Every structure is written in structure tokens, then in C-alpha cells.
Amino acid sequence: MTQSAQILLCPPRYFDLSYVINPWMQANFGALDPSRAARQWRALRRSLADLAELHELPAVAGLPDYVFTANAGLVFGKVFVPSRFRHAERQAEPEFSRAWFREQGFEIRTLPPKLIFEGAGDALFESETTRLWMGYGPRSEAAAAPALARLLGVEVEPLQLVDPRFYHLDTCFCPLPRGGLLYFPAAFDAESRLRIQAAFPADRRIAVVEAEALRFACNAICVDNTVIADGIADATEARLGHLGLDVLRVELDEFQKSGGSAKCLTLRLDVPSRNVLNGQARPRAAQSRAASQASTPSAAQRPLAKQAVSR
């Protein structure tokens, strides 16, 4: 029996554009319509409810960006690694996220003091593997890659982000089911682009154009064979269709004014999948430089009581 995807959201009760910490906020300061944002969030929630089991993180007054649950931290089986934010405006969030995950039975593992890491916004597991792709530059620090490899016992591939508009990895990089990728190449430095090209076959690697990237086409949620996002053009939808994937478009432009969209508003609680944690992942030929520095055994090999999501 196939288990439902597990997705965490946070209602936008206190969502607002009250400070500036990225170019999107700078360009749209004072232009947010909270009521319209709430309607868009409810529409996203309805769409996801047909595809997954949903969980809600209670909103917290004074934390307008808490709605972007992808930034709460990184989930690996039943382990939760809390974020440590670069900007003071978001540094109160992890206290509340840690408490929620602890109540849900997750093991909390923390990165070394002062190391900046902004959660699943900058760390995405490749489909059907325990390989973790981690963005660094505008927010997360490069040193978080080997630290995560040691903490979780997984491969970590660092990618340098060079465009401040794409300040988190999930704004320009979306691993697709069965080894595909949706991404915006210009958001990365040359070495990172080569690493991506080496890891993902050309026929499963879909590059979006800038106009799509600026509509957050890559900030997508993948549930089974469905890709949920705003901004995906017809040509890209056709290419996704050739990979056996359906596109579900959702309008989220109010959240894009703050620098986020569909993926930013969600956090998967069931990654990697049980099959991956049980050692049934498809094989990978390449090994990560960061993972070679890991000194702890693979988290996927530890007792399942510590690792597998039990629902």
C-alpha cells in the first residue's frame, strides 16, 4: 500500500511584508495584499489535500516569514536539523520549529554553533536517493555541506548560488521524480553547473528560461507524478509531460513579493522515502566531496526506530 506524502504548512495569519532581506521584498515593499495571500494559501492547501496528508505548524505573531515552512530546517527520516538564519529578522523562528518537531517525536540534531544554514530552502534530496544538494552563498554557508554530511551520514553536493534573486536553492533547483531536474542554470556558478550536468542526464534535465524562473517555476512541490508550481510555461509543461509528470498550476504571486512560492510554503516530512532509508534506492555512480568528509555511519543504516517515518 502506497503511503501518502506528508507535508507541513503554516497558515499565513501573520504573513506580512514588514522588512527587507531579499531583492523581492525590496521591489515589493508596501505592495502586499494579506487577504489575497490568504486566499492563495487556502487554494494551495486544497490542491495539496488531494495529494498528501497535511500537517500545520501554528503561526506565531511577529514572525511574518514563518509561513515559509521549507526554511524551518531539514528533515531526514525521523531526524530534524533546525535552521540557523543569517538575518536577525528570522532568528526567533527556530525555537518554535524545534518545539513542534520535538513534540512530533523527531530527533533534533544541531549544526555547529554560528554556522548558517537555512533548512530545506537550501537543501534538497535528489529523488529516490540520499544524495543531498545544498545551495550556499546568499544565505547558507559552504561549511554547512560537510557539517551536514557528518551529521546525517549522507552525500552532500554543494552548489554556489550567484544571483541574489535566487537566494535559496529551492528558488532555482527542483529535483524531479525518477532522477529528473527542473532548474535555472544562470543562478549557479560555472563549476556548479558542470556538477549538475554530470549528475543529471540531459534528457531528464529541464532548464527554464529567466521569465519562468522569475515566476518561481522551479519553486515546485513534487508529489508522486504531479508537479505543483506557479510560473511554468507551456513548453516546460510539455517537457515535464515527456517525463511522465503532470503540472498543477497554483497562483502564488502575493508570496512571491516576499521571495517565495509553492515549495517555500511547504516542508516534506517523509524524505527520504522509506524505500531509500531501507536501502532500496537506485544506485549512484558519483560520490560527493562533502560526503567523503563524513565521519559518522549513514543515517539510513541506523536503527529504523531512529530513522523511518512511522505513520
C-alpha atoms as a PDB file:
ATOM      1  CA  MET A   1       0.000   0.000   0.000  1.00  0.00           C
ATOM      2  CA  THR A   2       1.389   3.376  -1.027  1.00  0.00           C
ATOM      3  CA  GLN A   3       1.638   5.848   1.820  1.00  0.00           C
ATOM      4  CA  SER A   4       0.509   9.424   1.374  1.00  0.00           C
ATOM      5  CA  ALA A   5       3.102  12.151   1.184  1.00  0.00           C
ATOM      6  CA  GLN A   6       3.417  14.082   4.451  1.00  0.00           C
ATOM      7  CA  ILE A   7       3.571  17.877   4.056  1.00  0.00           C
ATOM      8  CA  LEU A   8       3.903  20.619   6.656  1.00  0.00           C
ATOM      9  CA  LEU A   9       2.355  24.052   6.115  1.00  0.00           C
ATOM     10  CA  CYS A  10       1.876  27.132   8.286  1.00  0.00           C
ATOM     11  CA  PRO A  11      -1.208  29.345   7.862  1.00  0.00           C
ATOM     12  CA  PRO A  12      -0.404  32.928   6.823  1.00  0.00           C
ATOM     13  CA  ARG A  13      -2.172  34.514   9.787  1.00  0.00           C
ATOM     14  CA  TYR A  14       0.741  36.882  10.436  1.00  0.00           C
ATOM     15  CA  PHE A  15       2.248  36.939   6.953  1.00  0.00           C
ATOM     16  CA  ASP A  16       3.291  40.454   6.000  1.00  0.00           C
ATOM     17  CA  LEU A  17       5.999  42.368   4.208  1.00  0.00           C
ATOM     18  CA  SER A  18       7.344  44.350   7.158  1.00  0.00           C
ATOM     19  CA  TYR A  19      11.098  44.229   6.490  1.00  0.00           C
ATOM     20  CA  VAL A  20      13.550  43.766   3.604  1.00  0.00           C
ATOM     21  CA  ILE A  21      16.020  40.874   3.465  1.00  0.00           C
ATOM     22  CA  ASN A  22      15.978  39.984  -0.252  1.00  0.00           C
ATOM     23  CA  PRO A  23      15.536  41.749  -3.619  1.00  0.00           C
ATOM     24  CA  TRP A  24      11.903  40.656  -3.938  1.00  0.00           C
ATOM     25  CA  MET A  25      10.988  42.373  -0.678  1.00  0.00           C
ATOM     26  CA  GLN A  26      12.865  45.498  -1.751  1.00  0.00           C
ATOM     27  CA  ALA A  27      10.931  45.681  -5.020  1.00  0.00           C
ATOM     28  CA  ASN A  28       7.518  44.989  -3.465  1.00  0.00           C
ATOM     29  CA  PHE A  29       7.693  46.656  -0.071  1.00  0.00           C
ATOM     30  CA  GLY A  30       4.277  48.070   0.792  1.00  0.00           C
ATOM     31  CA  ALA A  31       2.541  46.217  -2.065  1.00  0.00           C
ATOM     32  CA  LEU A  32       1.399  43.062  -0.257  1.00  0.00           C
ATOM     33  CA  ASP A  33      -2.297  42.186  -0.071  1.00  0.00           C
ATOM     34  CA  PRO A  34      -2.604  39.880   3.005  1.00  0.00           C
ATOM     35  CA  SER A  35      -6.212  38.929   2.256  1.00  0.00           C
ATOM     36  CA  ARG A  36      -5.345  37.835  -1.256  1.00  0.00           C
ATOM     37  CA  ALA A  37      -2.317  35.963   0.079  1.00  0.00           C
ATOM     38  CA  ALA A  38      -4.587  34.086   2.492  1.00  0.00           C
ATOM     39  CA  ARG A  39      -6.912  33.091  -0.365  1.00  0.00           C
ATOM     40  CA  GLN A  40      -3.981  31.856  -2.428  1.00  0.00           C
ATOM     41  CA  TRP A  41      -2.637  29.848   0.511  1.00  0.00           C
ATOM     42  CA  ARG A  42      -6.023  28.208   1.070  1.00  0.00           C
ATOM     43  CA  ALA A  43      -6.185  27.291  -2.627  1.00  0.00           C
ATOM     44  CA  LEU A  44      -2.727  25.724  -2.397  1.00  0.00           C
ATOM     45  CA  ARG A  45      -3.796  23.808   0.687  1.00  0.00           C
ATOM     46  CA  ARG A  46      -6.897  22.468  -1.082  1.00  0.00           C
ATOM     47  CA  SER A  47      -4.793  21.314  -4.031  1.00  0.00           C
ATOM     48  CA  LEU A  48      -2.308  19.563  -1.757  1.00  0.00           C
ATOM     49  CA  ALA A  49      -5.055  17.933   0.319  1.00  0.00           C
ATOM     50  CA  ASP A  50      -5.993  15.839  -2.718  1.00  0.00           C
ATOM     51  CA  LEU A  51      -2.438  14.535  -2.981  1.00  0.00           C
ATOM     52  CA  ALA A  52      -0.979  14.327   0.520  1.00  0.00           C
ATOM     53  CA  GLU A  53      -1.610  14.182   4.238  1.00  0.00           C
ATOM     54  CA  LEU A  54      -1.206  17.714   5.576  1.00  0.00           C
ATOM     55  CA  HIS A  55       0.110  18.951   8.909  1.00  0.00           C
ATOM     56  CA  GLU A  56       0.078  22.511  10.222  1.00  0.00           C
ATOM     57  CA  LEU A  57       2.700  24.445  12.123  1.00  0.00           C
ATOM     58  CA  PRO A  58       0.933  27.066  14.288  1.00  0.00           C
ATOM     59  CA  ALA A  59       1.546  30.630  13.134  1.00  0.00           C
ATOM     60  CA  VAL A  60       3.471  32.892  15.510  1.00  0.00           C
ATOM     61  CA  ALA A  61       2.783  36.607  15.946  1.00  0.00           C
ATOM     62  CA  GLY A  62       5.713  38.790  14.949  1.00  0.00           C
ATOM     63  CA  LEU A  63       7.197  36.175  12.608  1.00  0.00           C
ATOM     64  CA  PRO A  64       5.773  37.033   9.163  1.00  0.00           C
ATOM     65  CA  ASP A  65       8.076  34.650   7.239  1.00  0.00           C
ATOM     66  CA  TYR A  66       7.282  31.653   9.441  1.00  0.00           C
ATOM     67  CA  VAL A  67       4.711  30.764   6.777  1.00  0.00           C
ATOM     68  CA  PHE A  68       7.635  29.550   4.636  1.00  0.00           C
ATOM     69  CA  THR A  69       7.981  26.185   6.352  1.00  0.00           C
ATOM     70  CA  ALA A  70      10.713  24.981   3.974  1.00  0.00           C
ATOM     71  CA  ASN A  71      13.065  27.206   5.921  1.00  0.00           C
ATOM     72  CA  ALA A  72      12.252  25.642   9.291  1.00  0.00           C
ATOM     73  CA  GLY A  73      15.006  23.065   8.862  1.00  0.00           C
ATOM     74  CA  LEU A  74      15.912  19.804   7.157  1.00  0.00           C
ATOM     75  CA  VAL A  75      14.077  16.502   7.663  1.00  0.00           C
ATOM     76  CA  PHE A  76      15.879  13.178   7.241  1.00  0.00           C
ATOM     77  CA  GLY A  77      13.699  10.249   8.276  1.00  0.00           C
ATOM     78  CA  LYS A  78      12.862  10.985  11.907  1.00  0.00           C
ATOM     79  CA  VAL A  79      15.744  13.441  12.309  1.00  0.00           C
ATOM     80  CA  PHE A  80      15.219  17.200  12.194  1.00  0.00           C
ATOM     81  CA  VAL A  81      18.079  19.670  11.713  1.00  0.00           C
ATOM     82  CA  PRO A  82      16.874  23.186  12.652  1.00  0.00           C
ATOM     83  CA  SER A  83      17.849  26.191  10.574  1.00  0.00           C
ATOM     84  CA  ARG A  84      20.129  28.945  11.762  1.00  0.00           C
ATOM     85  CA  PHE A  85      19.190  32.134   9.906  1.00  0.00           C
ATOM     86  CA  ARG A  86      21.534  34.772   8.561  1.00  0.00           C
ATOM     87  CA  HIS A  87      19.194  37.710   9.152  1.00  0.00           C
ATOM     88  CA  ALA A  88      18.122  38.849  12.611  1.00  0.00           C
ATOM     89  CA  GLU A  89      14.524  39.230  11.426  1.00  0.00           C
ATOM     90  CA  ARG A  90      14.143  35.430  11.210  1.00  0.00           C
ATOM     91  CA  GLN A  91      16.365  34.259  14.040  1.00  0.00           C
ATOM     92  CA  ALA A  92      13.493  33.769  16.509  1.00  0.00           C
ATOM     93  CA  GLU A  93      11.820  31.135  14.289  1.00  0.00           C
ATOM     94  CA  PRO A  94      13.915  28.018  15.115  1.00  0.00           C
ATOM     95  CA  GLU A  95      12.845  27.989  18.768  1.00  0.00           C
ATOM     96  CA  PHE A  96       9.246  27.354  17.733  1.00  0.00           C
ATOM     97  CA  SER A  97      10.145  24.892  14.963  1.00  0.00           C
ATOM     98  CA  ARG A  98      12.297  22.806  17.299  1.00  0.00           C
ATOM     99  CA  ALA A  99       9.480  22.608  19.829  1.00  0.00           C
ATOM    100  CA  TRP A 100       6.970  21.405  17.227  1.00  0.00           C
ATOM    101  CA  PHE A 101       9.273  18.747  15.798  1.00  0.00           C
ATOM    102  CA  ARG A 102      10.226  17.531  19.259  1.00  0.00           C
ATOM    103  CA  GLU A 103       6.532  17.139  20.096  1.00  0.00           C
ATOM    104  CA  GLN A 104       6.086  15.070  16.927  1.00  0.00           C
ATOM    105  CA  GLY A 105       8.782  12.625  18.012  1.00  0.00           C
ATOM    106  CA  PHE A 106      11.661  13.795  15.823  1.00  0.00           C
ATOM    107  CA  GLU A 107      15.248  13.575  16.992  1.00  0.00           C
ATOM    108  CA  ILE A 108      16.751  17.079  16.964  1.00  0.00           C
ATOM    109  CA  ARG A 109      20.322  17.344  15.663  1.00  0.00           C
ATOM    110  CA  THR A 110      22.030  20.725  15.522  1.00  0.00           C
ATOM    111  CA  LEU A 111      24.852  22.035  13.389  1.00  0.00           C
ATOM    112  CA  PRO A 112      27.989  23.566  14.968  1.00  0.00           C
ATOM    113  CA  PRO A 113      27.449  26.950  16.667  1.00  0.00           C
ATOM    114  CA  LYS A 114      27.214  30.034  14.439  1.00  0.00           C
ATOM    115  CA  LEU A 115      27.109  28.001  11.201  1.00  0.00           C
ATOM    116  CA  ILE A 116      24.453  29.498   8.914  1.00  0.00           C
ATOM    117  CA  PHE A 117      22.101  27.006   7.274  1.00  0.00           C
ATOM    118  CA  GLU A 118      18.575  27.833   6.111  1.00  0.00           C
ATOM    119  CA  GLY A 119      16.994  24.406   6.006  1.00  0.00           C
ATOM    120  CA  ALA A 120      15.183  22.758   3.113  1.00  0.00           C
ATOM    121  CA  GLY A 121      15.194  26.073   1.294  1.00  0.00           C
ATOM    122  CA  ASP A 122      18.883  25.386   0.660  1.00  0.00           C
ATOM    123  CA  ALA A 123      18.991  21.579   0.942  1.00  0.00           C
ATOM    124  CA  LEU A 124      17.086  19.222  -1.359  1.00  0.00           C
ATOM    125  CA  PHE A 125      17.294  15.453  -1.557  1.00  0.00           C
ATOM    126  CA  GLU A 126      17.584  14.022  -5.028  1.00  0.00           C
ATOM    127  CA  SER A 127      14.640  11.784  -5.871  1.00  0.00           C
ATOM    128  CA  GLU A 128      14.981   8.158  -4.729  1.00  0.00           C
ATOM    129  CA  THR A 129      18.426   8.682  -3.200  1.00  0.00           C
ATOM    130  CA  THR A 130      20.019  10.034  -0.047  1.00  0.00           C
ATOM    131  CA  ARG A 131      22.114  12.460  -2.067  1.00  0.00           C
ATOM    132  CA  LEU A 132      21.581  15.960  -0.742  1.00  0.00           C
ATOM    133  CA  TRP A 133      22.116  19.032  -2.918  1.00  0.00           C
ATOM    134  CA  MET A 134      22.941  22.127  -0.858  1.00  0.00           C
ATOM    135  CA  GLY A 135      22.974  25.731  -2.042  1.00  0.00           C
ATOM    136  CA  TYR A 136      25.310  28.284  -0.480  1.00  0.00           C
ATOM    137  CA  GLY A 137      26.239  31.912  -0.941  1.00  0.00           C
ATOM    138  CA  PRO A 138      23.477  34.435  -0.271  1.00  0.00           C
ATOM    139  CA  ARG A 139      22.197  32.641   2.858  1.00  0.00           C
ATOM    140  CA  SER A 140      23.637  29.249   3.871  1.00  0.00           C
ATOM    141  CA  GLU A 141      27.395  28.909   4.289  1.00  0.00           C
ATOM    142  CA  ALA A 142      29.509  26.466   2.269  1.00  0.00           C
ATOM    143  CA  ALA A 143      30.799  24.923   5.504  1.00  0.00           C
ATOM    144  CA  ALA A 144      27.291  23.605   6.175  1.00  0.00           C
ATOM    145  CA  ALA A 145      27.780  20.961   3.444  1.00  0.00           C
ATOM    146  CA  PRO A 146      30.475  18.871   5.167  1.00  0.00           C
ATOM    147  CA  ALA A 147      28.787  19.532   8.513  1.00  0.00           C
ATOM    148  CA  LEU A 148      25.526  18.025   7.234  1.00  0.00           C
ATOM    149  CA  ALA A 149      27.416  15.088   5.729  1.00  0.00           C
ATOM    150  CA  ARG A 150      28.910  14.334   9.136  1.00  0.00           C
ATOM    151  CA  LEU A 151      25.670  14.943  11.000  1.00  0.00           C
ATOM    152  CA  LEU A 152      23.482  12.723   8.801  1.00  0.00           C
ATOM    153  CA  GLY A 153      25.946  10.382   7.123  1.00  0.00           C
ATOM    154  CA  VAL A 154      24.797  11.260   3.592  1.00  0.00           C
ATOM    155  CA  GLU A 155      26.300  12.546   0.338  1.00  0.00           C
ATOM    156  CA  VAL A 156      26.144  16.330   0.136  1.00  0.00           C
ATOM    157  CA  GLU A 157      26.803  18.151  -3.130  1.00  0.00           C
ATOM    158  CA  PRO A 158      27.394  21.906  -2.641  1.00  0.00           C
ATOM    159  CA  LEU A 159      26.199  24.340  -5.307  1.00  0.00           C
ATOM    160  CA  GLN A 160      27.172  28.009  -5.314  1.00  0.00           C
ATOM    161  CA  LEU A 161      24.344  30.490  -5.927  1.00  0.00           C
ATOM    162  CA  VAL A 162      25.458  33.698  -7.659  1.00  0.00           C
ATOM    163  CA  ASP A 163      22.258  35.656  -8.347  1.00  0.00           C
ATOM    164  CA  PRO A 164      20.765  37.429  -5.282  1.00  0.00           C
ATOM    165  CA  ARG A 165      17.257  36.993  -6.704  1.00  0.00           C
ATOM    166  CA  PHE A 166      17.712  33.242  -6.273  1.00  0.00           C
ATOM    167  CA  TYR A 167      18.986  33.385  -2.732  1.00  0.00           C
ATOM    168  CA  HIS A 168      17.839  29.878  -1.749  1.00  0.00           C
ATOM    169  CA  LEU A 169      18.447  26.713  -3.748  1.00  0.00           C
ATOM    170  CA  ASP A 170      14.748  25.873  -3.971  1.00  0.00           C
ATOM    171  CA  THR A 171      14.089  29.042  -5.967  1.00  0.00           C
ATOM    172  CA  CYS A 172      16.119  27.720  -8.912  1.00  0.00           C
ATOM    173  CA  PHE A 173      16.560  23.934  -8.477  1.00  0.00           C
ATOM    174  CA  CYS A 174      13.891  21.249  -8.174  1.00  0.00           C
ATOM    175  CA  PRO A 175      14.755  17.517  -8.205  1.00  0.00           C
ATOM    176  CA  LEU A 176      12.046  15.640 -10.082  1.00  0.00           C
ATOM    177  CA  PRO A 177      10.800  12.058  -9.660  1.00  0.00           C
ATOM    178  CA  ARG A 178      12.886   9.303 -11.263  1.00  0.00           C
ATOM    179  CA  GLY A 179      16.091  11.282 -11.452  1.00  0.00           C
ATOM    180  CA  GLY A 180      14.951  14.396 -13.303  1.00  0.00           C
ATOM    181  CA  LEU A 181      15.679  18.049 -12.599  1.00  0.00           C
ATOM    182  CA  LEU A 182      13.957  21.388 -13.192  1.00  0.00           C
ATOM    183  CA  TYR A 183      16.407  24.285 -12.806  1.00  0.00           C
ATOM    184  CA  PHE A 184      17.600  27.733 -13.859  1.00  0.00           C
ATOM    185  CA  PRO A 185      21.276  27.387 -14.886  1.00  0.00           C
ATOM    186  CA  ALA A 186      22.174  31.091 -14.653  1.00  0.00           C
ATOM    187  CA  ALA A 187      21.576  31.062 -10.897  1.00  0.00           C
ATOM    188  CA  PHE A 188      24.752  28.958 -10.411  1.00  0.00           C
ATOM    189  CA  ASP A 189      28.462  29.474 -10.909  1.00  0.00           C
ATOM    190  CA  ALA A 190      30.217  27.605 -13.738  1.00  0.00           C
ATOM    191  CA  GLU A 191      31.584  24.796 -11.541  1.00  0.00           C
ATOM    192  CA  SER A 192      28.169  24.106 -10.050  1.00  0.00           C
ATOM    193  CA  ARG A 193      26.577  23.978 -13.499  1.00  0.00           C
ATOM    194  CA  LEU A 194      29.117  21.362 -14.552  1.00  0.00           C
ATOM    195  CA  ARG A 195      28.393  19.321 -11.419  1.00  0.00           C
ATOM    196  CA  ILE A 196      24.671  19.430 -12.181  1.00  0.00           C
ATOM    197  CA  GLN A 197      25.222  18.398 -15.799  1.00  0.00           C
ATOM    198  CA  ALA A 198      27.375  15.461 -14.705  1.00  0.00           C
ATOM    199  CA  ALA A 199      24.752  14.214 -12.250  1.00  0.00           C
ATOM    200  CA  PHE A 200      21.545  14.549 -14.283  1.00  0.00           C
ATOM    201  CA  PRO A 201      21.199  13.071 -17.809  1.00  0.00           C
ATOM    202  CA  ALA A 202      20.496  15.653 -20.494  1.00  0.00           C
ATOM    203  CA  ASP A 203      17.163  14.065 -21.396  1.00  0.00           C
ATOM    204  CA  ARG A 204      15.955  14.400 -17.794  1.00  0.00           C
ATOM    205  CA  ARG A 205      17.384  17.857 -17.132  1.00  0.00           C
ATOM    206  CA  ILE A 206      14.944  20.688 -17.877  1.00  0.00           C
ATOM    207  CA  ALA A 207      16.309  24.238 -17.886  1.00  0.00           C
ATOM    208  CA  VAL A 208      13.747  27.025 -17.550  1.00  0.00           C
ATOM    209  CA  VAL A 209      14.154  30.449 -19.111  1.00  0.00           C
ATOM    210  CA  GLU A 210      14.581  33.569 -17.000  1.00  0.00           C
ATOM    211  CA  ALA A 211      10.952  34.663 -17.341  1.00  0.00           C
ATOM    212  CA  GLU A 212       9.827  31.362 -15.815  1.00  0.00           C
ATOM    213  CA  ALA A 213      12.464  31.491 -13.096  1.00  0.00           C
ATOM    214  CA  LEU A 214      11.258  34.957 -12.103  1.00  0.00           C
ATOM    215  CA  ARG A 215       7.760  33.464 -11.700  1.00  0.00           C
ATOM    216  CA  PHE A 216       9.254  30.831  -9.369  1.00  0.00           C
ATOM    217  CA  ALA A 217       8.688  27.936 -11.786  1.00  0.00           C
ATOM    218  CA  CYS A 218      11.467  25.963 -10.069  1.00  0.00           C
ATOM    219  CA  ASN A 219       9.978  26.553  -6.613  1.00  0.00           C
ATOM    220  CA  ALA A 220       7.842  23.497  -7.151  1.00  0.00           C
ATOM    221  CA  ILE A 221       6.402  20.715  -4.999  1.00  0.00           C
ATOM    222  CA  CYS A 222       6.640  17.179  -6.359  1.00  0.00           C
ATOM    223  CA  VAL A 223       4.107  14.652  -5.097  1.00  0.00           C
ATOM    224  CA  ASP A 224       4.257  11.323  -6.925  1.00  0.00           C
ATOM    225  CA  ASN A 225       3.893  12.262 -10.607  1.00  0.00           C
ATOM    226  CA  THR A 226       2.484  15.755 -10.018  1.00  0.00           C
ATOM    227  CA  VAL A 227       4.496  18.985 -10.076  1.00  0.00           C
ATOM    228  CA  ILE A 228       2.741  21.857  -8.278  1.00  0.00           C
ATOM    229  CA  ALA A 229       4.035  25.343  -9.055  1.00  0.00           C
ATOM    230  CA  ASP A 230       3.356  28.824 -10.368  1.00  0.00           C
ATOM    231  CA  GLY A 231       5.037  30.195 -13.476  1.00  0.00           C
ATOM    232  CA  ILE A 232       5.634  27.014 -15.503  1.00  0.00           C
ATOM    233  CA  ALA A 233       5.347  27.819 -19.218  1.00  0.00           C
ATOM    234  CA  ASP A 234       3.562  25.591 -21.713  1.00  0.00           C
ATOM    235  CA  ALA A 235       6.824  24.444 -23.316  1.00  0.00           C
ATOM    236  CA  THR A 236       8.202  23.373 -19.953  1.00  0.00           C
ATOM    237  CA  GLU A 237       4.946  21.631 -19.112  1.00  0.00           C
ATOM    238  CA  ALA A 238       5.263  19.657 -22.340  1.00  0.00           C
ATOM    239  CA  ARG A 239       8.805  18.583 -21.445  1.00  0.00           C
ATOM    240  CA  LEU A 240       7.637  17.544 -17.993  1.00  0.00           C
ATOM    241  CA  GLY A 241       4.885  15.564 -19.685  1.00  0.00           C
ATOM    242  CA  HIS A 242       7.506  13.659 -21.674  1.00  0.00           C
ATOM    243  CA  LEU A 243       8.953  12.587 -18.310  1.00  0.00           C
ATOM    244  CA  GLY A 244       5.545  11.281 -17.262  1.00  0.00           C
ATOM    245  CA  LEU A 245       4.788  14.218 -14.993  1.00  0.00           C
ATOM    246  CA  ASP A 246       1.622  16.290 -14.704  1.00  0.00           C
ATOM    247  CA  VAL A 247       1.645  20.007 -13.866  1.00  0.00           C
ATOM    248  CA  LEU A 248      -0.762  21.584 -11.410  1.00  0.00           C
ATOM    249  CA  ARG A 249      -0.570  25.360 -11.580  1.00  0.00           C
ATOM    250  CA  VAL A 250      -1.235  27.430  -8.464  1.00  0.00           C
ATOM    251  CA  GLU A 251      -1.313  31.219  -8.273  1.00  0.00           C
ATOM    252  CA  LEU A 252       1.013  32.465  -5.533  1.00  0.00           C
ATOM    253  CA  ASP A 253       2.177  35.887  -6.678  1.00  0.00           C
ATOM    254  CA  GLU A 254       1.428  37.519  -3.299  1.00  0.00           C
ATOM    255  CA  PHE A 255       4.002  35.244  -1.653  1.00  0.00           C
ATOM    256  CA  GLN A 256       6.429  35.855  -4.495  1.00  0.00           C
ATOM    257  CA  LYS A 257       6.502  39.517  -3.444  1.00  0.00           C
ATOM    258  CA  SER A 258       8.282  38.271  -0.334  1.00  0.00           C
ATOM    259  CA  GLY A 259      10.576  35.928  -2.250  1.00  0.00           C
ATOM    260  CA  GLY A 260       8.802  32.568  -2.015  1.00  0.00           C
ATOM    261  CA  SER A 261       6.255  30.373  -3.740  1.00  0.00           C
ATOM    262  CA  ALA A 262       4.880  26.816  -3.587  1.00  0.00           C
ATOM    263  CA  LYS A 263       7.959  24.928  -2.394  1.00  0.00           C
ATOM    264  CA  CYS A 264       8.866  27.640   0.140  1.00  0.00           C
ATOM    265  CA  LEU A 265       5.408  27.280   1.702  1.00  0.00           C
ATOM    266  CA  THR A 266       5.825  23.545   2.345  1.00  0.00           C
ATOM    267  CA  LEU A 267       8.142  21.106   4.078  1.00  0.00           C
ATOM    268  CA  ARG A 268       8.092  17.392   3.311  1.00  0.00           C
ATOM    269  CA  LEU A 269       8.091  15.287   6.464  1.00  0.00           C
ATOM    270  CA  ASP A 270       8.700  11.984   4.674  1.00  0.00           C
ATOM    271  CA  VAL A 271      12.064  12.457   2.959  1.00  0.00           C
ATOM    272  CA  PRO A 272      13.883  10.433   2.003  1.00  0.00           C
ATOM    273  CA  SER A 273      11.230   7.797   1.378  1.00  0.00           C
ATOM    274  CA  ARG A 274      11.031   4.560   3.356  1.00  0.00           C
ATOM    275  CA  ASN A 275      12.454   2.658   0.381  1.00  0.00           C
ATOM    276  CA  VAL A 276      15.519   4.890   0.360  1.00  0.00           C
ATOM    277  CA  LEU A 277      16.033   4.600   4.113  1.00  0.00           C
ATOM    278  CA  ASN A 278      15.663   0.825   3.830  1.00  0.00           C
ATOM    279  CA  GLY A 279      18.448   0.693   1.254  1.00  0.00           C
ATOM    280  CA  GLN A 280      16.284   0.268  -1.845  1.00  0.00           C
ATOM    281  CA  ALA A 281      17.398   3.483  -3.527  1.00  0.00           C
ATOM    282  CA  ARG A 282      18.580   3.380  -7.111  1.00  0.00           C
ATOM    283  CA  PRO A 283      22.405   3.234  -7.288  1.00  0.00           C
ATOM    284  CA  ARG A 284      24.534   6.341  -7.826  1.00  0.00           C
ATOM    285  CA  ALA A 285      27.882   6.262  -9.577  1.00  0.00           C
ATOM    286  CA  ALA A 286      29.311   9.510  -8.214  1.00  0.00           C
ATOM    287  CA  GLN A 287      30.321  10.233  -4.630  1.00  0.00           C
ATOM    288  CA  SER A 288      30.183  13.669  -3.038  1.00  0.00           C
ATOM    289  CA  ARG A 289      33.312  15.507  -1.970  1.00  0.00           C
ATOM    290  CA  ALA A 290      31.468  16.670   1.111  1.00  0.00           C
ATOM    291  CA  ALA A 291      30.304  13.162   1.967  1.00  0.00           C
ATOM    292  CA  SER A 292      33.878  11.908   1.872  1.00  0.00           C
ATOM    293  CA  GLN A 293      34.496  14.048   4.920  1.00  0.00           C
ATOM    294  CA  ALA A 294      31.698  12.404   6.881  1.00  0.00           C
ATOM    295  CA  SER A 295      32.853  10.511   9.946  1.00  0.00           C
ATOM    296  CA  THR A 296      29.536   9.057  11.167  1.00  0.00           C
ATOM    297  CA  PRO A 297      27.745   5.983   9.719  1.00  0.00           C
ATOM    298  CA  SER A 298      24.948   6.599   7.269  1.00  0.00           C
ATOM    299  CA  ALA A 299      21.717   7.612   8.935  1.00  0.00           C
ATOM    300  CA  ALA A 300      19.944   5.258   6.529  1.00  0.00           C
ATOM    301  CA  GLN A 301      21.841   2.372   8.119  1.00  0.00           C
ATOM    302  CA  ARG A 302      20.942   3.203  11.709  1.00  0.00           C
ATOM    303  CA  PRO A 303      18.012   1.545  13.518  1.00  0.00           C
ATOM    304  CA  LEU A 304      14.704   2.370  11.859  1.00  0.00           C
ATOM    305  CA  ALA A 305      13.276   3.471  15.191  1.00  0.00           C
ATOM    306  CA  LYS A 306      15.545   6.466  14.789  1.00  0.00           C
ATOM    307  CA  GLN A 307      15.059   6.950  11.070  1.00  0.00           C
ATOM    308  CA  ALA A 308      11.913   5.772   9.334  1.00  0.00           C
ATOM    309  CA  VAL A 309       8.862   7.973   9.369  1.00  0.00           C
ATOM    310  CA  SER A 310       6.184   5.923  11.104  1.00  0.00           C
ATOM    311  CA  ARG A 311       2.655   6.944  10.216  1.00  0.00           C
END
